[in-house]
C-alpha atoms as a PDB file:
ATOM      1  CA  UNK A   1       0.073   0.752  -0.230  1.00  0.00           C
ATOM      2  CA  UNK A   2       1.107   3.347  -1.426  1.00  0.00           C
ATOM      3  CA  UNK A   3       1.060   5.566   1.911  1.00  0.00           C
ATOM      4  CA  UNK A   4       3.157   8.837   2.677  1.00  0.00           C
ATOM      5  CA  UNK A   5       3.692   8.892   7.486  1.00  0.00           C
ATOM      6  CA  UNK A   6       4.002  12.811   8.706  1.00  0.00           C
ATOM      7  CA  UNK A   7       6.225  12.793  12.141  1.00  0.00           C
ATOM      8  CA  UNK A   8       8.342  15.449  14.565  1.00  0.00           C
ATOM      9  CA  UNK A   9       5.979  18.480  14.718  1.00  0.00           C
ATOM     10  CA  UNK A  10       5.596  20.372  18.051  1.00  0.00           C
ATOM     11  CA  UNK A  11       5.799  23.057  19.415  1.00  0.00           C
ATOM     12  CA  UNK A  12       9.409  25.243  19.084  1.00  0.00           C
ATOM     13  CA  UNK A  13      10.526  28.379  20.544  1.00  0.00           C
ATOM     14  CA  UNK A  14      11.394  31.328  17.669  1.00  0.00           C
ATOM     15  CA  UNK A  15      15.421  30.629  16.865  1.00  0.00           C
ATOM     16  CA  UNK A  16      15.229  26.858  17.510  1.00  0.00           C
ATOM     17  CA  UNK A  17      14.740  23.570  15.607  1.00  0.00           C
ATOM     18  CA  UNK A  18      12.940  20.988  13.956  1.00  0.00           C
ATOM     19  CA  UNK A  19      13.130  17.788  11.971  1.00  0.00           C
ATOM     20  CA  UNK A  20      10.505  16.905   9.972  1.00  0.00           C
ATOM     21  CA  UNK A  21       9.836  13.005   8.993  1.00  0.00           C
ATOM     22  CA  UNK A  22       8.269  12.010   6.184  1.00  0.00           C
ATOM     23  CA  UNK A  23       8.402   7.280   6.126  1.00  0.00           C
ATOM     24  CA  UNK A  24       7.456   6.659   3.070  1.00  0.00           C
ATOM     25  CA  UNK A  25       5.658   2.797   1.923  1.00  0.00           C
ATOM     26  CA  UNK A  26       5.297   0.842  -1.469  1.00  0.00           C
ATOM     27  CA  UNK A  27       8.032   3.982  -3.157  1.00  0.00           C
ATOM     28  CA  UNK A  28      10.232   3.965  -4.930  1.00  0.00           C
ATOM     29  CA  UNK A  29      12.834   6.487  -4.530  1.00  0.00           C
ATOM     30  CA  UNK A  30      13.917   7.259  -7.596  1.00  0.00           C
ATOM     31  CA  UNK A  31      10.380   6.882  -9.350  1.00  0.00           C
ATOM     32  CA  UNK A  32       9.037  10.219  -7.824  1.00  0.00           C
ATOM     33  CA  UNK A  33      10.111  13.885  -6.507  1.00  0.00           C
ATOM     34  CA  UNK A  34       9.023  13.685  -3.107  1.00  0.00           C
ATOM     35  CA  UNK A  35       7.994  17.205  -1.276  1.00  0.00           C
ATOM     36  CA  UNK A  36       7.534  19.091   0.844  1.00  0.00           C
ATOM     37  CA  UNK A  37       4.147  22.141   2.050  1.00  0.00           C
ATOM     38  CA  UNK A  38       3.156  24.049   4.464  1.00  0.00           C
ATOM     39  CA  UNK A  39      -0.399  25.523   4.792  1.00  0.00           C
ATOM     40  CA  UNK A  40      -1.228  28.526   7.631  1.00  0.00           C
ATOM     41  CA  UNK A  41      -4.632  29.039   9.200  1.00  0.00           C
ATOM     42  CA  UNK A  42      -6.752  30.455   6.552  1.00  0.00           C
ATOM     43  CA  UNK A  43      -3.831  30.951   3.656  1.00  0.00           C
ATOM     44  CA  UNK A  44      -2.945  29.162   1.310  1.00  0.00           C
ATOM     45  CA  UNK A  45      -0.652  25.529   0.801  1.00  0.00           C
ATOM     46  CA  UNK A  46       2.650  26.365  -0.293  1.00  0.00           C
ATOM     47  CA  UNK A  47       5.030  24.435  -1.393  1.00  0.00           C
ATOM     48  CA  UNK A  48       8.163  24.490   1.114  1.00  0.00           C
ATOM     49  CA  UNK A  49      11.209  21.695  -0.857  1.00  0.00           C
ATOM     50  CA  UNK A  50      11.196  19.530  -3.157  1.00  0.00           C
ATOM     51  CA  UNK A  51      13.854  17.040  -3.738  1.00  0.00           C
ATOM     52  CA  UNK A  52      13.632  14.229  -7.129  1.00  0.00           C
ATOM     53  CA  UNK A  53      13.936  10.559  -8.194  1.00  0.00           C
ATOM     54  CA  UNK A  54      18.000  11.723  -8.503  1.00  0.00           C
ATOM     55  CA  UNK A  55      18.005  13.809  -5.142  1.00  0.00           C
ATOM     56  CA  UNK A  56      18.019  17.506  -7.304  1.00  0.00           C
ATOM     57  CA  UNK A  57      16.846  19.352  -4.461  1.00  0.00           C
ATOM     58  CA  UNK A  58      15.234  22.899  -5.040  1.00  0.00           C
ATOM     59  CA  UNK A  59      13.294  25.206  -1.852  1.00  0.00           C
ATOM     60  CA  UNK A  60      11.248  27.642  -0.917  1.00  0.00           C
ATOM     61  CA  UNK A  61      12.673  31.773  -2.078  1.00  0.00           C
ATOM     62  CA  UNK A  62      11.936  32.653   0.924  1.00  0.00           C
ATOM     63  CA  UNK A  63      13.731  29.391   3.278  1.00  0.00           C
ATOM     64  CA  UNK A  64      16.908  29.016   1.143  1.00  0.00           C
ATOM     65  CA  UNK A  65      19.544  28.816   3.889  1.00  0.00           C
ATOM     66  CA  UNK A  66      16.472  28.284   6.912  1.00  0.00           C
ATOM     67  CA  UNK A  67      15.221  24.264   6.027  1.00  0.00           C
ATOM     68  CA  UNK A  68      17.102  21.529   4.181  1.00  0.00           C
ATOM     69  CA  UNK A  69      15.283  18.626   2.670  1.00  0.00           C
ATOM     70  CA  UNK A  70      17.316  15.222   2.291  1.00  0.00           C
ATOM     71  CA  UNK A  71      16.015  11.273   1.982  1.00  0.00           C
ATOM     72  CA  UNK A  72      17.170   8.571   4.160  1.00  0.00           C
ATOM     73  CA  UNK A  73      17.469   5.744   1.360  1.00  0.00           C
ATOM     74  CA  UNK A  74      18.205   3.393   5.320  1.00  0.00           C
ATOM     75  CA  UNK A  75      15.514   4.186   6.591  1.00  0.00           C
ATOM     76  CA  UNK A  76      13.058   5.166   3.950  1.00  0.00           C
ATOM     77  CA  UNK A  77      12.581   8.539   5.154  1.00  0.00           C
ATOM     78  CA  UNK A  78      12.518  11.877   3.323  1.00  0.00           C
ATOM     79  CA  UNK A  79      13.544  13.912   6.260  1.00  0.00           C
ATOM     80  CA  UNK A  80      13.077  18.172   6.716  1.00  0.00           C
ATOM     81  CA  UNK A  81      15.593  20.548   8.909  1.00  0.00           C
ATOM     82  CA  UNK A  82      14.083  23.504  10.222  1.00  0.00           C
ATOM     83  CA  UNK A  83      16.120  25.809  11.659  1.00  0.00           C
ATOM     84  CA  UNK A  84      16.366  29.750  13.892  1.00  0.00           C
ATOM     85  CA  UNK A  85      11.963  28.738  12.676  1.00  0.00           C
ATOM     86  CA  UNK A  86       9.724  32.097  13.599  1.00  0.00           C
ATOM     87  CA  UNK A  87       5.998  32.705  13.774  1.00  0.00           C
ATOM     88  CA  UNK A  88       5.621  32.319  10.893  1.00  0.00           C
ATOM     89  CA  UNK A  89       6.628  29.343  10.250  1.00  0.00           C
ATOM     90  CA  UNK A  90       2.925  28.181  12.321  1.00  0.00           C
ATOM     91  CA  UNK A  91       1.995  25.619   9.797  1.00  0.00           C
ATOM     92  CA  UNK A  92       0.328  22.006   9.394  1.00  0.00           C
ATOM     93  CA  UNK A  93       3.385  20.506   6.676  1.00  0.00           C
ATOM     94  CA  UNK A  94       2.914  17.890   4.753  1.00  0.00           C
ATOM     95  CA  UNK A  95       4.953  15.060   2.969  1.00  0.00           C
ATOM     96  CA  UNK A  96       3.975  14.690  -0.487  1.00  0.00           C
ATOM     97  CA  UNK A  97       5.238  12.041  -3.760  1.00  0.00           C
ATOM     98  CA  UNK A  98       5.000  12.858  -7.670  1.00  0.00           C
ATOM     99  CA  UNK A  99       4.832  10.280  -9.971  1.00  0.00           C
ATOM    100  CA  UNK A 100       7.609  11.032 -12.841  1.00  0.00           C
ATOM    101  CA  UNK A 101       6.737   8.798 -14.945  1.00  0.00           C
ATOM    102  CA  UNK A 102       2.676   9.850 -15.348  1.00  0.00           C
ATOM    103  CA  UNK A 103       0.188  12.059 -12.613  1.00  0.00           C
ATOM    104  CA  UNK A 104      -0.012  10.413  -9.414  1.00  0.00           C
ATOM    105  CA  UNK A 105      -0.162  12.309  -5.951  1.00  0.00           C
ATOM    106  CA  UNK A 106      -0.305  10.426  -2.588  1.00  0.00           C
ATOM    107  CA  UNK A 107       0.113  12.766   0.044  1.00  0.00           C
ATOM    108  CA  UNK A 108       1.072  12.285   3.886  1.00  0.00           C
ATOM    109  CA  UNK A 109      -1.974  13.359   7.071  1.00  0.00           C
ATOM    110  CA  UNK A 110      -0.251  16.926   7.950  1.00  0.00           C
ATOM    111  CA  UNK A 111       1.742  17.779  10.916  1.00  0.00           C
ATOM    112  CA  UNK A 112       1.493  20.511  12.718  1.00  0.00           C
ATOM    113  CA  UNK A 113       4.465  22.420  13.924  1.00  0.00           C
ATOM    114  CA  UNK A 114       3.517  25.915  16.134  1.00  0.00           C
ATOM    115  CA  UNK A 115       6.339  28.136  16.338  1.00  0.00           C
ATOM    116  CA  UNK A 116       5.753  30.502  19.504  1.00  0.00           C
ATOM    117  CA  UNK A 117       7.083  31.485  23.260  1.00  0.00           C
END
């Protein structure tokens, strides 16, 4: 069964760090572009970062230098390291898998990240 399960969200103070993890089941990393998105309250969902089947990464311009996406082939996870977090990073973060050979997408259930004192 193809599915994604996010973990690692929580409450963190401004300036802190969190590492989100997306466990991928039934997905071959080499055939998918994996991505993290986020959606803040009353805002549109936005793309945070992507990593292609070949390992090429891309980031939202506003997040470059603070967020890092990576693959762990042993653990079968897509991780998002978030540093120097700001209150405006508060959102539900979603993992997604986009097939590179056809129109097929898989979404996780999301994990809440709250940046607050």
